[in-house]
Amino acid sequence: MEKKGASFWKAVAKRGAQVLFSLVLMMALFFFFAGRLDLPLAWLYFGLYFVSLAINMMVFLKYNPEVVEARSEIIKGEMKWWDKLYVVLYMLFMFAIPVVCGIDAHSQASAPGTWYYPAGVLLFVAGWSFTSWALVENKFFEGSVRIQKERGHTVVSTGPYAIIRHPGYAGMIVFYASMPLGLGSLYGLVPALLLAGAFVFRTHFEDEMLQKELKGYKEYAKKTRYRLIPFVW
């Protein structure tokens, strides 16, 4: 990695603080609503989350430092109406997952048993890895959707983008589905499903925008036919 200036490292620190704050808030919400701390599998799940964040940061700094800097600014430029709505839905459903899981852990309403945890870990690894691969491959993967003319925005068709057109979102859907299982709550799958719907909503409008505004995207879409799920959509 080439030598970077102070502004770059400031952006890295900012991005690190953002993702760490998000994790800490999720933990706080879960344990607050659970009303207890003696939940070792939940601690293991959040520990896996923390370790994965640290590994990701090192991988991105080595292979795609631009994406770290780009994602330090959550919103850039004028946002489309549908992207504004998506951000609201994303924040609402993302933090609803640990809340619902915490309430469930307190009341033990769903009590799925120990089988759920390995499934949650497997989904975590699969979803996290696929999203991370997309972030390594795509330096234009910002927090908000726009055509990044100042950065020479071009179509990315390699890596996971040769499989589906929006692999980052597909991976995040799987990752967030892992959280209820990792925290021991079947009811938590309800907000996770709603969050998946928010990703589908954004994918629909983002793909339409890219086909209209990004040079070469229509041709790419003809080669890579599916947006989120191979052979389905």
C-alpha atoms as a PDB file:
ATOM      1  CA  MET A   1       0.000   0.000   0.000  1.00  0.00           C
ATOM      2  CA  GLU A   2       1.411   3.359  -1.013  1.00  0.00           C
ATOM      3  CA  LYS A   3       2.081   5.999   1.618  1.00  0.00           C
ATOM      4  CA  LYS A   4      -1.051   7.933   2.550  1.00  0.00           C
ATOM      5  CA  GLY A   5      -1.488  11.412   3.973  1.00  0.00           C
ATOM      6  CA  ALA A   6      -3.052  12.617   7.208  1.00  0.00           C
ATOM      7  CA  SER A   7      -6.484  13.104   5.608  1.00  0.00           C
ATOM      8  CA  PHE A   8      -6.574   9.443   4.582  1.00  0.00           C
ATOM      9  CA  TRP A   9      -5.734   8.166   8.055  1.00  0.00           C
ATOM     10  CA  LYS A  10      -8.291  10.541   9.535  1.00  0.00           C
ATOM     11  CA  ALA A  11     -10.890   8.956   7.241  1.00  0.00           C
ATOM     12  CA  VAL A  12      -9.722   5.474   8.309  1.00  0.00           C
ATOM     13  CA  ALA A  13     -10.076   6.403  11.982  1.00  0.00           C
ATOM     14  CA  LYS A  14     -13.512   7.851  11.289  1.00  0.00           C
ATOM     15  CA  ARG A  15     -14.663   4.700   9.508  1.00  0.00           C
ATOM     16  CA  GLY A  16     -13.261   2.514  12.267  1.00  0.00           C
ATOM     17  CA  ALA A  17     -15.155   4.553  14.874  1.00  0.00           C
ATOM     18  CA  GLN A  18     -18.374   4.258  12.845  1.00  0.00           C
ATOM     19  CA  VAL A  19     -18.355   0.470  12.587  1.00  0.00           C
ATOM     20  CA  LEU A  20     -17.197   0.029  16.178  1.00  0.00           C
ATOM     21  CA  PHE A  21     -19.957   2.332  17.445  1.00  0.00           C
ATOM     22  CA  SER A  22     -22.516   0.348  15.451  1.00  0.00           C
ATOM     23  CA  LEU A  23     -21.336  -2.921  17.032  1.00  0.00           C
ATOM     24  CA  VAL A  24     -21.273  -1.473  20.562  1.00  0.00           C
ATOM     25  CA  LEU A  25     -24.793  -0.051  20.108  1.00  0.00           C
ATOM     26  CA  MET A  26     -26.076  -3.428  18.900  1.00  0.00           C
ATOM     27  CA  MET A  27     -24.537  -5.118  21.927  1.00  0.00           C
ATOM     28  CA  ALA A  28     -25.945  -2.516  24.297  1.00  0.00           C
ATOM     29  CA  LEU A  29     -29.437  -2.854  22.840  1.00  0.00           C
ATOM     30  CA  PHE A  30     -29.369  -6.623  22.968  1.00  0.00           C
ATOM     31  CA  PHE A  31     -28.117  -6.981  26.550  1.00  0.00           C
ATOM     32  CA  PHE A  32     -30.305  -4.113  27.802  1.00  0.00           C
ATOM     33  CA  PHE A  33     -33.494  -5.689  26.489  1.00  0.00           C
ATOM     34  CA  ALA A  34     -32.319  -9.163  27.485  1.00  0.00           C
ATOM     35  CA  GLY A  35     -31.896  -7.852  31.028  1.00  0.00           C
ATOM     36  CA  ARG A  36     -28.928 -10.132  31.621  1.00  0.00           C
ATOM     37  CA  LEU A  37     -25.267 -10.566  30.680  1.00  0.00           C
ATOM     38  CA  ASP A  38     -24.843 -14.294  31.281  1.00  0.00           C
ATOM     39  CA  LEU A  39     -25.393 -15.300  27.645  1.00  0.00           C
ATOM     40  CA  PRO A  40     -22.074 -16.831  26.513  1.00  0.00           C
ATOM     41  CA  LEU A  41     -23.185 -17.697  22.979  1.00  0.00           C
ATOM     42  CA  ALA A  42     -24.245 -14.087  22.398  1.00  0.00           C
ATOM     43  CA  TRP A  43     -20.848 -12.878  23.646  1.00  0.00           C
ATOM     44  CA  LEU A  44     -19.167 -15.338  21.276  1.00  0.00           C
ATOM     45  CA  TYR A  45     -21.261 -14.051  18.378  1.00  0.00           C
ATOM     46  CA  PHE A  46     -20.415 -10.419  19.107  1.00  0.00           C
ATOM     47  CA  GLY A  47     -16.764 -11.435  19.588  1.00  0.00           C
ATOM     48  CA  LEU A  48     -16.794 -13.003  16.118  1.00  0.00           C
ATOM     49  CA  TYR A  49     -18.296  -9.768  14.805  1.00  0.00           C
ATOM     50  CA  PHE A  50     -15.517  -7.680  16.421  1.00  0.00           C
ATOM     51  CA  VAL A  51     -12.696  -9.913  15.169  1.00  0.00           C
ATOM     52  CA  SER A  52     -14.187  -9.871  11.666  1.00  0.00           C
ATOM     53  CA  LEU A  53     -14.306  -6.055  11.702  1.00  0.00           C
ATOM     54  CA  ALA A  54     -10.634  -5.899  12.675  1.00  0.00           C
ATOM     55  CA  ILE A  55      -9.614  -8.391   9.976  1.00  0.00           C
ATOM     56  CA  ASN A  56     -11.690  -6.546   7.392  1.00  0.00           C
ATOM     57  CA  MET A  57     -10.011  -3.250   8.145  1.00  0.00           C
ATOM     58  CA  MET A  58      -6.565  -4.789   7.641  1.00  0.00           C
ATOM     59  CA  VAL A  59      -7.632  -6.508   4.412  1.00  0.00           C
ATOM     60  CA  PHE A  60      -9.204  -3.361   2.975  1.00  0.00           C
ATOM     61  CA  LEU A  61      -6.194  -1.221   3.870  1.00  0.00           C
ATOM     62  CA  LYS A  62      -3.981  -3.664   1.994  1.00  0.00           C
ATOM     63  CA  TYR A  63      -6.108  -4.452  -1.064  1.00  0.00           C
ATOM     64  CA  ASN A  64      -8.582  -1.586  -1.455  1.00  0.00           C
ATOM     65  CA  PRO A  65      -7.815   1.382   0.836  1.00  0.00           C
ATOM     66  CA  GLU A  66      -9.991   3.625  -1.345  1.00  0.00           C
ATOM     67  CA  VAL A  67     -13.144   1.887  -0.180  1.00  0.00           C
ATOM     68  CA  VAL A  68     -12.332   2.633   3.470  1.00  0.00           C
ATOM     69  CA  GLU A  69     -11.876   6.309   2.711  1.00  0.00           C
ATOM     70  CA  ALA A  70     -14.998   6.423   0.529  1.00  0.00           C
ATOM     71  CA  ARG A  71     -17.210   4.755   3.141  1.00  0.00           C
ATOM     72  CA  SER A  72     -16.053   7.089   5.913  1.00  0.00           C
ATOM     73  CA  GLU A  73     -18.536   9.581   4.440  1.00  0.00           C
ATOM     74  CA  ILE A  74     -21.880   7.853   4.792  1.00  0.00           C
ATOM     75  CA  ILE A  75     -23.691  10.396   2.610  1.00  0.00           C
ATOM     76  CA  LYS A  76     -22.138  12.148  -0.378  1.00  0.00           C
ATOM     77  CA  GLY A  77     -23.898  14.461  -2.806  1.00  0.00           C
ATOM     78  CA  GLU A  78     -27.615  14.739  -3.426  1.00  0.00           C
ATOM     79  CA  MET A  79     -29.451  11.575  -2.436  1.00  0.00           C
ATOM     80  CA  LYS A  80     -32.301  10.077  -4.445  1.00  0.00           C
ATOM     81  CA  TRP A  81     -35.661   9.887  -2.654  1.00  0.00           C
ATOM     82  CA  TRP A  82     -35.533   6.113  -2.620  1.00  0.00           C
ATOM     83  CA  ASP A  83     -32.033   6.093  -1.148  1.00  0.00           C
ATOM     84  CA  LYS A  84     -33.155   8.416   1.664  1.00  0.00           C
ATOM     85  CA  LEU A  85     -36.027   6.058   2.423  1.00  0.00           C
ATOM     86  CA  TYR A  86     -33.682   3.076   2.308  1.00  0.00           C
ATOM     87  CA  VAL A  87     -31.339   4.676   4.872  1.00  0.00           C
ATOM     88  CA  VAL A  88     -34.253   5.162   7.276  1.00  0.00           C
ATOM     89  CA  LEU A  89     -35.471   1.587   6.780  1.00  0.00           C
ATOM     90  CA  TYR A  90     -31.937   0.207   7.079  1.00  0.00           C
ATOM     91  CA  MET A  91     -31.235   1.936  10.382  1.00  0.00           C
ATOM     92  CA  LEU A  92     -34.667   1.043  11.771  1.00  0.00           C
ATOM     93  CA  PHE A  93     -34.581  -2.660  10.927  1.00  0.00           C
ATOM     94  CA  MET A  94     -30.859  -3.147  11.590  1.00  0.00           C
ATOM     95  CA  PHE A  95     -31.158  -1.977  15.200  1.00  0.00           C
ATOM     96  CA  ALA A  96     -34.548  -3.642  15.578  1.00  0.00           C
ATOM     97  CA  ILE A  97     -32.831  -7.022  15.226  1.00  0.00           C
ATOM     98  CA  PRO A  98     -30.844  -6.864  18.515  1.00  0.00           C
ATOM     99  CA  VAL A  99     -33.840  -5.263  20.272  1.00  0.00           C
ATOM    100  CA  VAL A 100     -36.210  -8.076  19.279  1.00  0.00           C
ATOM    101  CA  CYS A 101     -33.538 -10.690  19.997  1.00  0.00           C
ATOM    102  CA  GLY A 102     -32.949  -9.145  23.436  1.00  0.00           C
ATOM    103  CA  ILE A 103     -36.645  -9.139  24.298  1.00  0.00           C
ATOM    104  CA  ASP A 104     -36.854 -12.739  23.134  1.00  0.00           C
ATOM    105  CA  ALA A 105     -33.819 -13.710  25.236  1.00  0.00           C
ATOM    106  CA  HIS A 106     -35.472 -12.115  28.268  1.00  0.00           C
ATOM    107  CA  SER A 107     -38.806 -13.860  27.813  1.00  0.00           C
ATOM    108  CA  GLN A 108     -37.404 -16.995  26.149  1.00  0.00           C
ATOM    109  CA  ALA A 109     -40.438 -16.922  23.876  1.00  0.00           C
ATOM    110  CA  SER A 110     -38.937 -18.748  20.892  1.00  0.00           C
ATOM    111  CA  ALA A 111     -36.145 -20.732  22.645  1.00  0.00           C
ATOM    112  CA  PRO A 112     -34.882 -22.452  19.459  1.00  0.00           C
ATOM    113  CA  GLY A 113     -32.323 -24.666  21.191  1.00  0.00           C
ATOM    114  CA  THR A 114     -28.591 -25.085  20.599  1.00  0.00           C
ATOM    115  CA  TRP A 115     -28.902 -26.164  16.945  1.00  0.00           C
ATOM    116  CA  TYR A 116     -29.350 -22.530  15.874  1.00  0.00           C
ATOM    117  CA  TYR A 117     -25.872 -21.338  16.834  1.00  0.00           C
ATOM    118  CA  PRO A 118     -23.739 -23.290  14.292  1.00  0.00           C
ATOM    119  CA  ALA A 119     -26.238 -22.247  11.605  1.00  0.00           C
ATOM    120  CA  GLY A 120     -25.842 -18.619  12.678  1.00  0.00           C
ATOM    121  CA  VAL A 121     -22.042 -18.837  12.542  1.00  0.00           C
ATOM    122  CA  LEU A 122     -22.131 -20.454   9.080  1.00  0.00           C
ATOM    123  CA  LEU A 123     -24.452 -17.727   7.764  1.00  0.00           C
ATOM    124  CA  PHE A 124     -22.254 -15.074   9.373  1.00  0.00           C
ATOM    125  CA  VAL A 125     -19.100 -16.382   7.696  1.00  0.00           C
ATOM    126  CA  ALA A 126     -20.808 -16.818   4.317  1.00  0.00           C
ATOM    127  CA  GLY A 127     -22.514 -13.423   4.278  1.00  0.00           C
ATOM    128  CA  TRP A 128     -19.580 -11.518   5.750  1.00  0.00           C
ATOM    129  CA  SER A 129     -17.084 -13.114   3.347  1.00  0.00           C
ATOM    130  CA  PHE A 130     -19.201 -12.407   0.264  1.00  0.00           C
ATOM    131  CA  THR A 131     -19.748  -8.768   1.237  1.00  0.00           C
ATOM    132  CA  SER A 132     -16.059  -8.334   2.055  1.00  0.00           C
ATOM    133  CA  TRP A 133     -15.105  -9.790  -1.319  1.00  0.00           C
ATOM    134  CA  ALA A 134     -17.379  -7.257  -3.004  1.00  0.00           C
ATOM    135  CA  LEU A 135     -15.822  -4.394  -1.020  1.00  0.00           C
ATOM    136  CA  VAL A 136     -12.298  -5.513  -1.916  1.00  0.00           C
ATOM    137  CA  GLU A 137     -13.228  -5.740  -5.591  1.00  0.00           C
ATOM    138  CA  ASN A 138     -15.205  -2.491  -5.882  1.00  0.00           C
ATOM    139  CA  LYS A 139     -13.529   0.794  -4.965  1.00  0.00           C
ATOM    140  CA  PHE A 140     -16.784   2.633  -5.787  1.00  0.00           C
ATOM    141  CA  PHE A 141     -18.780   0.909  -3.009  1.00  0.00           C
ATOM    142  CA  GLU A 142     -19.814   4.035  -1.113  1.00  0.00           C
ATOM    143  CA  GLY A 143     -22.468   4.392   1.568  1.00  0.00           C
ATOM    144  CA  SER A 144     -24.873   6.336  -0.651  1.00  0.00           C
ATOM    145  CA  VAL A 145     -25.816   5.618  -4.263  1.00  0.00           C
ATOM    146  CA  ARG A 146     -24.528   8.009  -6.923  1.00  0.00           C
ATOM    147  CA  ILE A 147     -22.470   8.150 -10.101  1.00  0.00           C
ATOM    148  CA  GLN A 148     -18.997   9.082  -8.870  1.00  0.00           C
ATOM    149  CA  LYS A 149     -17.835  11.157 -11.827  1.00  0.00           C
ATOM    150  CA  GLU A 150     -15.010  12.778  -9.862  1.00  0.00           C
ATOM    151  CA  ARG A 151     -13.539   9.315  -9.198  1.00  0.00           C
ATOM    152  CA  GLY A 152     -13.900   8.041 -12.765  1.00  0.00           C
ATOM    153  CA  HIS A 153     -16.758   5.694 -11.939  1.00  0.00           C
ATOM    154  CA  THR A 154     -16.733   2.592 -14.150  1.00  0.00           C
ATOM    155  CA  VAL A 155     -18.526  -0.762 -14.182  1.00  0.00           C
ATOM    156  CA  VAL A 156     -17.043  -3.418 -11.905  1.00  0.00           C
ATOM    157  CA  SER A 157     -17.601  -6.874 -13.411  1.00  0.00           C
ATOM    158  CA  THR A 158     -14.904  -8.993 -11.764  1.00  0.00           C
ATOM    159  CA  GLY A 159     -14.888 -11.186  -8.667  1.00  0.00           C
ATOM    160  CA  PRO A 160     -18.368 -11.589  -7.135  1.00  0.00           C
ATOM    161  CA  TYR A 161     -19.702  -9.062  -9.659  1.00  0.00           C
ATOM    162  CA  ALA A 162     -19.303 -11.742 -12.321  1.00  0.00           C
ATOM    163  CA  ILE A 163     -21.825 -13.841 -10.370  1.00  0.00           C
ATOM    164  CA  ILE A 164     -24.498 -11.262  -9.470  1.00  0.00           C
ATOM    165  CA  ARG A 165     -24.715  -7.516  -9.966  1.00  0.00           C
ATOM    166  CA  HIS A 166     -25.104  -6.535  -6.290  1.00  0.00           C
ATOM    167  CA  PRO A 167     -23.066  -9.046  -4.275  1.00  0.00           C
ATOM    168  CA  GLY A 168     -22.470  -6.656  -1.379  1.00  0.00           C
ATOM    169  CA  TYR A 169     -26.180  -6.444  -0.642  1.00  0.00           C
ATOM    170  CA  ALA A 170     -26.670 -10.181  -1.090  1.00  0.00           C
ATOM    171  CA  GLY A 171     -23.922 -10.847   1.436  1.00  0.00           C
ATOM    172  CA  MET A 172     -25.387  -8.368   3.917  1.00  0.00           C
ATOM    173  CA  ILE A 173     -28.809 -10.013   3.694  1.00  0.00           C
ATOM    174  CA  VAL A 174     -27.229 -13.340   4.641  1.00  0.00           C
ATOM    175  CA  PHE A 175     -25.092 -11.722   7.363  1.00  0.00           C
ATOM    176  CA  TYR A 176     -28.040 -10.020   9.070  1.00  0.00           C
ATOM    177  CA  ALA A 177     -30.025 -13.255   8.861  1.00  0.00           C
ATOM    178  CA  SER A 178     -27.252 -14.835  10.936  1.00  0.00           C
ATOM    179  CA  MET A 179     -27.726 -12.429  13.841  1.00  0.00           C
ATOM    180  CA  PRO A 180     -31.028 -13.805  15.227  1.00  0.00           C
ATOM    181  CA  LEU A 181     -29.614 -17.343  15.096  1.00  0.00           C
ATOM    182  CA  GLY A 182     -26.349 -16.222  16.668  1.00  0.00           C
ATOM    183  CA  LEU A 183     -28.288 -14.494  19.450  1.00  0.00           C
ATOM    184  CA  GLY A 184     -30.773 -17.320  19.944  1.00  0.00           C
ATOM    185  CA  SER A 185     -34.001 -15.768  18.709  1.00  0.00           C
ATOM    186  CA  LEU A 186     -36.310 -16.985  15.966  1.00  0.00           C
ATOM    187  CA  TYR A 187     -38.462 -13.859  16.378  1.00  0.00           C
ATOM    188  CA  GLY A 188     -35.403 -11.817  15.421  1.00  0.00           C
ATOM    189  CA  LEU A 189     -35.782 -13.221  11.917  1.00  0.00           C
ATOM    190  CA  VAL A 190     -38.805 -10.920  11.438  1.00  0.00           C
ATOM    191  CA  PRO A 191     -36.835  -7.616  11.411  1.00  0.00           C
ATOM    192  CA  ALA A 192     -34.045  -9.433   9.530  1.00  0.00           C
ATOM    193  CA  LEU A 193     -36.562 -10.306   6.821  1.00  0.00           C
ATOM    194  CA  LEU A 194     -37.809  -6.703   6.738  1.00  0.00           C
ATOM    195  CA  LEU A 195     -34.209  -5.552   6.394  1.00  0.00           C
ATOM    196  CA  ALA A 196     -33.768  -7.960   3.478  1.00  0.00           C
ATOM    197  CA  GLY A 197     -36.796  -6.280   1.904  1.00  0.00           C
ATOM    198  CA  ALA A 198     -35.078  -2.897   2.303  1.00  0.00           C
ATOM    199  CA  PHE A 199     -32.036  -4.236   0.434  1.00  0.00           C
ATOM    200  CA  VAL A 200     -34.277  -5.542  -2.361  1.00  0.00           C
ATOM    201  CA  PHE A 201     -35.960  -2.111  -2.517  1.00  0.00           C
ATOM    202  CA  ARG A 202     -32.622  -0.326  -2.880  1.00  0.00           C
ATOM    203  CA  THR A 203     -31.279  -2.867  -5.357  1.00  0.00           C
ATOM    204  CA  HIS A 204     -34.285  -2.364  -7.638  1.00  0.00           C
ATOM    205  CA  PHE A 205     -33.917   1.411  -7.857  1.00  0.00           C
ATOM    206  CA  GLU A 206     -30.098   1.438  -7.836  1.00  0.00           C
ATOM    207  CA  ASP A 207     -29.952  -1.027 -10.706  1.00  0.00           C
ATOM    208  CA  GLU A 208     -32.403   1.079 -12.735  1.00  0.00           C
ATOM    209  CA  MET A 209     -30.292   4.183 -12.090  1.00  0.00           C
ATOM    210  CA  LEU A 210     -27.045   2.475 -13.064  1.00  0.00           C
ATOM    211  CA  GLN A 211     -28.548   1.200 -16.316  1.00  0.00           C
ATOM    212  CA  LYS A 212     -29.625   4.732 -17.201  1.00  0.00           C
ATOM    213  CA  GLU A 213     -26.613   6.702 -16.001  1.00  0.00           C
ATOM    214  CA  LEU A 214     -23.469   4.531 -15.850  1.00  0.00           C
ATOM    215  CA  LYS A 215     -21.738   3.893 -19.162  1.00  0.00           C
ATOM    216  CA  GLY A 216     -21.380   0.191 -19.948  1.00  0.00           C
ATOM    217  CA  TYR A 217     -23.755  -0.998 -17.224  1.00  0.00           C
ATOM    218  CA  LYS A 218     -26.490  -2.099 -19.644  1.00  0.00           C
ATOM    219  CA  GLU A 219     -24.017  -4.310 -21.466  1.00  0.00           C
ATOM    220  CA  TYR A 220     -22.765  -5.683 -18.130  1.00  0.00           C
ATOM    221  CA  ALA A 221     -26.358  -6.422 -17.058  1.00  0.00           C
ATOM    222  CA  LYS A 222     -26.882  -8.498 -20.197  1.00  0.00           C
ATOM    223  CA  LYS A 223     -23.858 -10.647 -19.311  1.00  0.00           C
ATOM    224  CA  THR A 224     -24.524 -10.846 -15.574  1.00  0.00           C
ATOM    225  CA  ARG A 225     -28.270 -11.390 -15.605  1.00  0.00           C
ATOM    226  CA  TYR A 226     -29.147 -11.644 -11.918  1.00  0.00           C
ATOM    227  CA  ARG A 227     -29.177  -8.826  -9.372  1.00  0.00           C
ATOM    228  CA  LEU A 228     -29.215 -10.547  -5.968  1.00  0.00           C
ATOM    229  CA  ILE A 229     -30.034 -14.250  -6.261  1.00  0.00           C
ATOM    230  CA  PRO A 230     -28.563 -16.400  -9.066  1.00  0.00           C
ATOM    231  CA  PHE A 231     -31.237 -17.949 -11.333  1.00  0.00           C
ATOM    232  CA  VAL A 232     -33.987 -16.091  -9.429  1.00  0.00           C
ATOM    233  CA  TRP A 233     -33.650 -12.276  -9.570  1.00  0.00           C
END
